[in-house]
Protein backbone atom coordinates (compact mmCIF):
# COMPACT_ATOMS: atom_id res chain seq x y z
CA MET A 1 17.34 4.78 16.04
CA ALA A 2 15.72 2.50 18.54
CA ASN A 3 13.49 0.67 16.10
CA ARG A 4 14.43 -0.82 12.72
CA VAL A 5 12.38 0.80 9.99
CA ASN A 6 12.16 -0.66 6.50
CA PHE A 7 12.21 1.72 3.56
CA GLY A 8 10.51 0.72 0.36
CA LEU A 9 8.78 1.54 -2.89
CA TRP A 10 5.09 1.67 -3.85
CA TYR A 11 3.68 0.66 -7.24
CA ASP A 12 0.33 0.95 -9.01
CA PHE A 13 1.51 0.09 -12.57
CA ARG A 14 -0.59 2.84 -14.16
CA ASN A 15 -0.05 3.60 -17.84
CA PRO A 16 -2.24 6.59 -18.78
CA PRO A 17 -3.24 7.01 -22.43
CA GLN A 18 -1.47 10.36 -22.84
CA TRP A 19 1.88 8.80 -21.84
CA ARG A 20 1.20 5.24 -22.95
CA LYS A 21 3.99 2.75 -23.49
CA PRO A 22 3.65 -0.99 -24.21
CA PHE A 23 2.42 -2.64 -21.02
CA GLY A 24 4.82 -5.56 -21.31
CA ARG A 25 7.80 -3.24 -21.57
CA MET A 26 6.52 -1.20 -18.64
CA TYR A 27 6.18 -4.27 -16.41
CA GLU A 28 9.64 -5.46 -17.42
CA GLY A 29 11.15 -2.08 -16.60
CA TYR A 30 9.48 -1.93 -13.22
CA LEU A 31 10.59 -5.44 -12.26
CA ASP A 32 14.16 -4.58 -13.26
CA GLN A 33 13.87 -1.41 -11.16
CA ILE A 34 12.71 -3.38 -8.11
CA VAL A 35 15.64 -5.79 -8.40
CA HIS A 36 18.04 -2.85 -8.64
CA ALA A 37 16.38 -1.13 -5.67
CA GLU A 38 16.97 -4.24 -3.56
CA GLN A 39 20.64 -4.10 -4.53
CA LEU A 40 20.73 -0.42 -3.50
CA GLY A 41 19.40 -1.29 -0.04
CA PHE A 42 15.64 -0.78 -0.20
CA ASP A 43 13.84 -3.17 2.13
CA SER A 44 10.30 -3.51 0.81
CA VAL A 45 7.97 -3.20 -2.15
CA TRP A 46 4.23 -2.52 -1.91
CA LEU A 47 1.50 -3.10 -4.48
CA THR A 48 -1.95 -1.61 -4.71
CA GLU A 49 -5.12 -2.60 -6.57
CA HIS A 50 -8.00 -1.20 -8.61
CA HIS A 51 -10.16 -2.50 -11.44
CA PHE A 52 -11.61 -1.32 -14.75
CA CYS A 53 -9.19 1.61 -15.11
CA GLU A 54 -8.32 2.95 -18.54
CA ASP A 55 -4.73 3.43 -17.41
CA GLY A 56 -4.30 -0.21 -16.41
CA TYR A 57 -4.00 0.39 -12.66
CA THR A 58 -3.09 -3.13 -11.67
CA PRO A 59 -6.00 -5.45 -10.89
CA SER A 60 -3.63 -8.32 -10.05
CA PRO A 61 -1.17 -7.38 -7.29
CA LEU A 62 -0.74 -10.94 -6.01
CA VAL A 63 0.39 -12.12 -9.43
CA ILE A 64 2.94 -9.30 -9.54
CA ALA A 65 4.00 -10.12 -5.98
CA ALA A 66 4.88 -13.65 -7.08
CA ALA A 67 6.98 -12.29 -9.96
CA ILE A 68 8.81 -9.96 -7.58
CA GLY A 69 9.35 -12.78 -5.12
CA ALA A 70 10.98 -14.87 -7.83
CA ARG A 71 13.46 -12.10 -8.68
CA THR A 72 14.36 -10.85 -5.21
CA THR A 73 15.94 -12.49 -2.18
CA ARG A 74 15.61 -10.09 0.74
CA MET A 75 12.88 -7.52 0.16
CA ARG A 76 9.59 -7.81 1.98
CA ILE A 77 6.64 -7.78 -0.41
CA GLY A 78 3.24 -6.47 0.62
CA THR A 79 -0.05 -5.09 -0.61
CA ASN A 80 -1.03 -1.53 0.20
CA LEU A 81 -3.65 -2.40 -0.44
CA ILE A 82 -6.07 -5.05 -1.72
CA VAL A 83 -9.76 -4.11 -1.75
CA LEU A 84 -10.78 -7.12 0.31
CA PRO A 85 -14.60 -6.79 0.09
CA LEU A 86 -14.37 -7.48 -3.65
CA HIS A 87 -12.71 -10.87 -3.14
CA ASP A 88 -13.47 -14.40 -2.03
CA PRO A 89 -11.59 -14.60 1.28
CA VAL A 90 -10.75 -18.27 0.80
CA ARG A 91 -8.97 -17.49 -2.47
CA ILE A 92 -7.10 -14.61 -0.85
CA ALA A 93 -6.09 -16.83 2.07
CA GLU A 94 -4.85 -19.52 -0.32
CA ASP A 95 -2.96 -17.12 -2.58
CA ALA A 96 -1.39 -15.22 0.32
CA ALA A 97 -0.31 -18.47 1.99
CA THR A 98 1.25 -19.64 -1.26
CA LEU A 99 3.06 -16.32 -1.65
CA SER A 100 4.42 -16.64 1.87
CA LEU A 101 5.74 -20.12 1.07
CA LEU A 102 7.25 -19.04 -2.25
CA THR A 103 9.03 -16.07 -0.67
CA ARG A 104 10.09 -17.84 2.55
CA GLY A 105 7.87 -15.64 4.69
CA ARG A 106 8.54 -12.31 2.99
CA PHE A 107 4.91 -11.52 2.13
CA ASP A 108 2.46 -9.33 4.11
CA LEU A 109 -1.21 -8.88 3.24
CA GLY A 110 -2.56 -5.34 3.47
CA VAL A 111 -6.28 -4.87 2.93
CA GLY A 112 -8.81 -2.07 2.88
CA ILE A 113 -12.51 -1.49 2.62
CA GLY A 114 -12.60 0.18 -0.81
CA TYR A 115 -14.61 3.10 -2.12
CA LYS A 116 -14.90 2.89 -5.93
CA GLU A 117 -18.58 2.26 -6.64
CA GLU A 118 -17.98 0.87 -10.13
CA GLU A 119 -15.86 -1.95 -8.72
CA PHE A 120 -18.47 -3.02 -6.19
CA ALA A 121 -21.24 -3.01 -8.78
CA ALA A 122 -19.21 -5.11 -11.21
CA PHE A 123 -18.30 -7.69 -8.56
CA GLY A 124 -21.86 -7.90 -7.26
CA ARG A 125 -21.07 -6.39 -3.88
CA SER A 126 -22.76 -3.53 -2.07
CA LEU A 127 -20.87 -0.55 -0.72
CA LYS A 128 -23.07 -0.54 2.37
CA HIS A 129 -21.95 -4.10 3.21
CA ARG A 130 -18.25 -3.17 3.28
CA PRO A 131 -17.78 -3.34 7.08
CA SER A 132 -19.19 -6.85 7.41
CA LEU A 133 -17.48 -8.02 4.22
CA ILE A 134 -14.02 -7.00 5.35
CA GLU A 135 -14.41 -8.14 8.97
CA GLU A 136 -15.75 -11.57 8.06
CA ALA A 137 -13.11 -11.97 5.37
CA CYS A 138 -10.32 -11.14 7.82
CA GLU A 139 -11.65 -13.75 10.26
CA ILE A 140 -11.80 -16.41 7.54
CA ILE A 141 -8.28 -15.58 6.36
CA ARG A 142 -6.85 -15.83 9.86
CA ARG A 143 -8.56 -19.15 10.49
CA GLY A 144 -7.37 -20.42 7.13
CA TRP A 145 -3.73 -19.65 7.89
CA SER A 146 -3.92 -21.57 11.16
CA GLY A 147 -3.82 -24.91 9.37
CA GLU A 148 -7.06 -25.99 11.02
CA PRO A 149 -10.27 -26.55 9.04
CA VAL A 150 -12.27 -23.35 8.61
CA GLU A 151 -15.87 -23.42 9.73
CA PHE A 152 -17.62 -20.08 9.52
CA SER A 153 -21.16 -18.76 9.33
CA GLY A 154 -21.70 -15.03 9.03
CA ARG A 155 -23.85 -12.42 7.32
CA ARG A 156 -21.81 -12.46 4.09
CA PHE A 157 -19.91 -15.75 4.04
CA SER A 158 -20.60 -19.32 5.09
CA LEU A 159 -18.09 -22.17 5.00
CA GLY A 160 -18.12 -25.75 6.12
CA ALA A 161 -15.19 -27.37 7.91
CA LEU A 162 -12.78 -26.97 5.00
CA PRO A 163 -8.99 -26.89 5.23
CA ILE A 164 -7.10 -24.11 3.48
CA THR A 165 -3.91 -25.83 2.38
CA PRO A 166 -1.03 -25.58 2.32
CA ALA A 167 -0.89 -23.42 5.42
CA PRO A 168 1.86 -20.80 5.50
CA GLU A 169 4.96 -21.69 7.49
CA THR A 170 5.11 -18.00 8.40
CA ALA A 171 1.69 -16.36 8.54
CA PRO A 172 1.68 -13.01 6.73
CA ALA A 173 0.91 -9.93 8.77
CA LEU A 174 -2.70 -8.90 8.14
CA LEU A 175 -2.55 -5.11 7.86
CA ILE A 176 -5.62 -2.89 7.54
CA GLY A 177 -5.70 0.51 5.87
CA GLY A 178 -8.08 3.41 5.83
CA MET A 179 -8.45 7.15 6.26
CA ALA A 180 -11.81 7.39 8.02
CA GLU A 181 -12.02 6.91 11.78
CA PRO A 182 -14.08 3.66 11.66
CA ALA A 183 -11.50 2.08 9.36
CA ILE A 184 -8.63 3.13 11.62
CA GLU A 185 -10.52 1.81 14.65
CA ARG A 186 -10.93 -1.49 12.80
CA ALA A 187 -7.18 -1.64 12.16
CA ALA A 188 -6.54 -1.23 15.89
CA ARG A 189 -9.17 -3.80 16.81
CA ILE A 190 -8.54 -6.69 14.40
CA GLY A 191 -5.42 -5.84 12.39
CA ASP A 192 -1.79 -6.74 12.90
CA GLY A 193 -1.05 -3.17 11.95
CA PHE A 194 -2.28 0.00 10.26
CA LEU A 195 -1.62 1.09 6.68
CA SER A 196 -1.48 4.88 6.73
CA THR A 197 -1.80 6.86 3.50
CA GLY A 198 0.24 10.05 3.55
CA GLY A 199 0.49 10.04 7.34
CA ILE A 200 -3.28 10.34 7.77
CA GLY A 201 -4.66 8.85 10.97
CA LEU A 202 -1.50 8.20 12.97
CA ASP A 203 -2.74 9.84 16.16
CA THR A 204 -6.18 8.31 15.66
CA TYR A 205 -4.61 4.86 15.44
CA VAL A 206 -2.63 5.30 18.66
CA GLU A 207 -5.78 6.52 20.44
CA ALA A 208 -7.78 3.62 19.01
CA LEU A 209 -5.25 1.12 20.36
CA GLU A 210 -5.77 2.59 23.82
CA ARG A 211 -9.56 2.40 23.43
CA GLN A 212 -9.16 -1.28 22.56
CA GLY A 213 -7.22 -1.83 25.78
CA LYS A 214 -3.96 -2.24 23.91
CA SER A 215 -0.69 -0.48 24.51
CA PRO A 216 0.61 1.79 21.74
CA GLN A 217 3.67 -0.47 21.86
CA ASP A 218 1.42 -3.23 20.52
CA GLY A 219 0.73 -1.22 17.39
CA ARG A 220 2.40 -1.41 14.00
CA ILE A 221 2.34 1.35 11.39
CA VAL A 222 3.15 0.93 7.71
CA LEU A 223 3.31 4.36 6.10
CA GLY A 224 2.74 5.07 2.43
CA CYS A 225 4.58 8.38 2.08
CA TRP A 226 3.77 10.79 -0.75
CA ALA A 227 7.04 12.71 -0.53
CA ILE A 228 8.93 13.23 -3.78
CA ILE A 229 12.64 13.32 -2.91
CA SER A 230 15.17 14.77 -5.32
CA ASP A 231 18.26 16.96 -5.39
CA ASP A 232 16.32 19.92 -6.85
CA PRO A 233 12.72 19.89 -5.53
CA GLU A 234 11.68 22.98 -7.47
CA ALA A 235 12.82 21.58 -10.81
CA GLU A 236 11.35 18.18 -9.94
CA ALA A 237 7.98 19.78 -9.11
CA ALA A 238 7.89 21.41 -12.54
CA ARG A 239 8.71 18.11 -14.22
CA ILE A 240 6.28 15.86 -12.32
CA GLY A 241 3.44 18.39 -12.13
CA PRO A 242 1.24 16.93 -14.90
CA HIS A 243 1.68 13.42 -13.50
CA ALA A 244 0.80 14.53 -9.96
CA LEU A 245 -2.28 16.38 -11.23
CA TYR A 246 -3.42 13.25 -13.05
CA GLN A 247 -2.87 11.00 -10.02
CA ALA A 248 -4.57 13.30 -7.52
CA ASN A 249 -7.61 14.03 -9.68
CA GLU A 250 -8.19 10.37 -10.58
CA TYR A 251 -8.33 9.47 -6.89
CA ILE A 252 -10.76 12.32 -6.29
CA ARG A 253 -12.97 11.17 -9.20
CA TRP A 254 -13.09 7.67 -7.73
CA GLY A 255 -14.10 8.86 -4.26
CA ALA A 256 -10.87 8.22 -2.35
CA PHE A 257 -11.20 11.43 -0.34
CA GLY A 258 -14.98 11.55 -0.03
CA PRO A 259 -18.02 11.62 -2.34
CA PRO A 260 -16.74 12.74 -5.77
CA ASP A 261 -19.49 15.34 -6.11
CA GLN A 262 -18.32 16.97 -2.87
CA VAL A 263 -14.54 17.04 -3.37
CA PRO A 264 -13.37 19.49 -6.06
CA LEU A 265 -10.73 18.53 -8.57
CA PHE A 266 -7.41 20.34 -8.58
CA ALA A 267 -7.35 23.01 -11.27
CA ASP A 268 -3.68 22.71 -12.16
CA ALA A 269 -0.42 21.00 -11.28
CA ASP A 270 0.68 23.63 -8.76
CA SER A 271 -2.54 23.32 -6.77
CA ALA A 272 -2.29 19.50 -6.80
CA LEU A 273 1.26 19.59 -5.44
CA GLU A 274 0.43 22.25 -2.84
CA GLY A 275 -3.00 21.03 -1.75
CA GLY A 276 -2.63 17.27 -2.09
CA LEU A 277 -0.69 14.75 -0.05
CA TYR A 278 2.59 15.49 -1.82
CA GLU A 279 5.73 16.86 -0.21
CA MET A 280 8.72 18.06 -2.23
CA TRP A 281 11.94 17.35 -0.32
CA ASP A 282 15.65 17.30 -0.90
CA ALA A 283 17.77 14.78 1.00
CA PRO A 284 18.50 16.91 4.11
CA THR A 285 14.81 17.79 4.44
CA ALA A 286 13.82 14.13 3.98
CA VAL A 287 16.22 12.99 6.69
CA GLU A 288 14.97 15.67 9.07
CA GLN A 289 11.27 15.05 8.42
CA LEU A 290 11.44 11.27 8.46
CA SER A 291 13.65 11.13 11.55
CA ALA A 292 11.17 13.32 13.43
CA LEU A 293 8.24 11.19 12.25
CA ILE A 294 9.87 7.95 13.38
CA ALA A 295 10.80 9.47 16.73
CA ARG A 296 7.23 10.67 17.31
CA TYR A 297 5.64 7.39 16.19
CA PRO A 298 8.03 4.61 17.23
CA ARG A 299 5.59 1.95 16.00
CA ILE A 300 6.40 2.87 12.38
CA CYS A 301 8.00 -0.22 10.88
CA ASP A 302 7.95 0.66 7.18
CA ILE A 303 7.95 3.86 5.09
CA HIS A 304 7.58 3.55 1.34
CA PHE A 305 7.42 6.04 -1.52
CA TRP A 306 5.77 6.03 -4.96
CA ALA A 307 8.45 4.65 -7.28
CA GLN A 308 7.07 6.90 -9.98
CA LEU A 309 3.91 8.81 -10.66
CA PRO A 310 1.47 7.67 -13.38
CA GLY A 311 2.96 8.09 -16.83
CA GLU A 312 6.51 8.87 -15.75
CA ASP A 313 9.26 7.00 -17.53
CA VAL A 314 11.03 4.39 -15.45
CA SER A 315 14.22 6.44 -15.75
CA ALA A 316 12.65 9.17 -13.59
CA GLY A 317 11.96 6.69 -10.82
CA ASN A 318 15.43 5.19 -11.17
CA ARG A 319 17.00 8.60 -10.71
CA ARG A 320 15.07 9.36 -7.52
CA ILE A 321 15.60 5.85 -6.14
CA GLY A 322 19.34 6.19 -6.60
CA TYR A 323 19.33 9.61 -4.94
CA ILE A 324 17.39 8.31 -1.92
CA ALA A 325 19.63 5.25 -1.57
CA GLU A 326 22.79 7.35 -1.59
CA ASN A 327 21.70 10.46 0.30
CA VAL A 328 18.78 9.55 2.59
CA LEU A 329 18.79 5.92 3.68
CA PRO A 330 22.30 5.87 5.20
CA HIS A 331 21.43 8.80 7.49
CA LEU A 332 18.15 7.25 8.63
CA ARG A 333 19.82 3.98 9.50
CA GLY A 334 22.56 5.58 11.57
């Protein structure tokens, strides 16, 4: 293929009560899995963020990113994504710069606008201020990584001429995610790339680049893919069904796909797998589908898959990771 695409894994570190295991053991197993995945040829690992979740959905992706960086040598490490309006942008700029230095430039910062009302209330932020919060924060972060003192006065943040040190030797890419058109437009306007969830918004992003006076060749797409790839998709669907139902309905309850009172929950596992973002593929189907996607959107630079769904044992993820490494990645890399 003309462009080099990284293939990676996506983690949320959820540990639902009905499948609970000791958190320390879970983290240890996931870190071991990531190290093994690097050895198998996976190129990247992506971490997401939420707060105040009964299942422990990780609130601390940058801490985990540092642990991954210490145990890997080649993988790129990124966030898909951090809810930037909840954070102090100076702290994010400092932590991301430090991660870049610790990993010799292997870290990328992916951010989004957020949607979970409980989080905003707890952090003293307003949902209606999200656009200005994320745009001002992105500007402060970029200035901070430049090595020059940051002086900024905006609607949400105000800083004197303060240096953010140490500056990164390699500035992380600042990627912006979203599913709604304004968020995708923002990614085209101020981002170094677009974080797409489940392939949503790819055409919108290309069109937004053109509206911004940019060439589609200037774009960069990082795709969080919800495909579940195994040797027997039908049997795998039966096995993962309860976990997929849990994952999909929790996102609906939080408002990921629109106001929770307007988006119905899935009634059962079959409807979640059929009506959600999931795809059930074997290796030949995965190669065909992903090759076509990359050919249609040549700005795709990374495709990553959920390592495991909430509550699955790490062995389930290990099995699929091994299958993908042996039967999918070699064909996509030509």
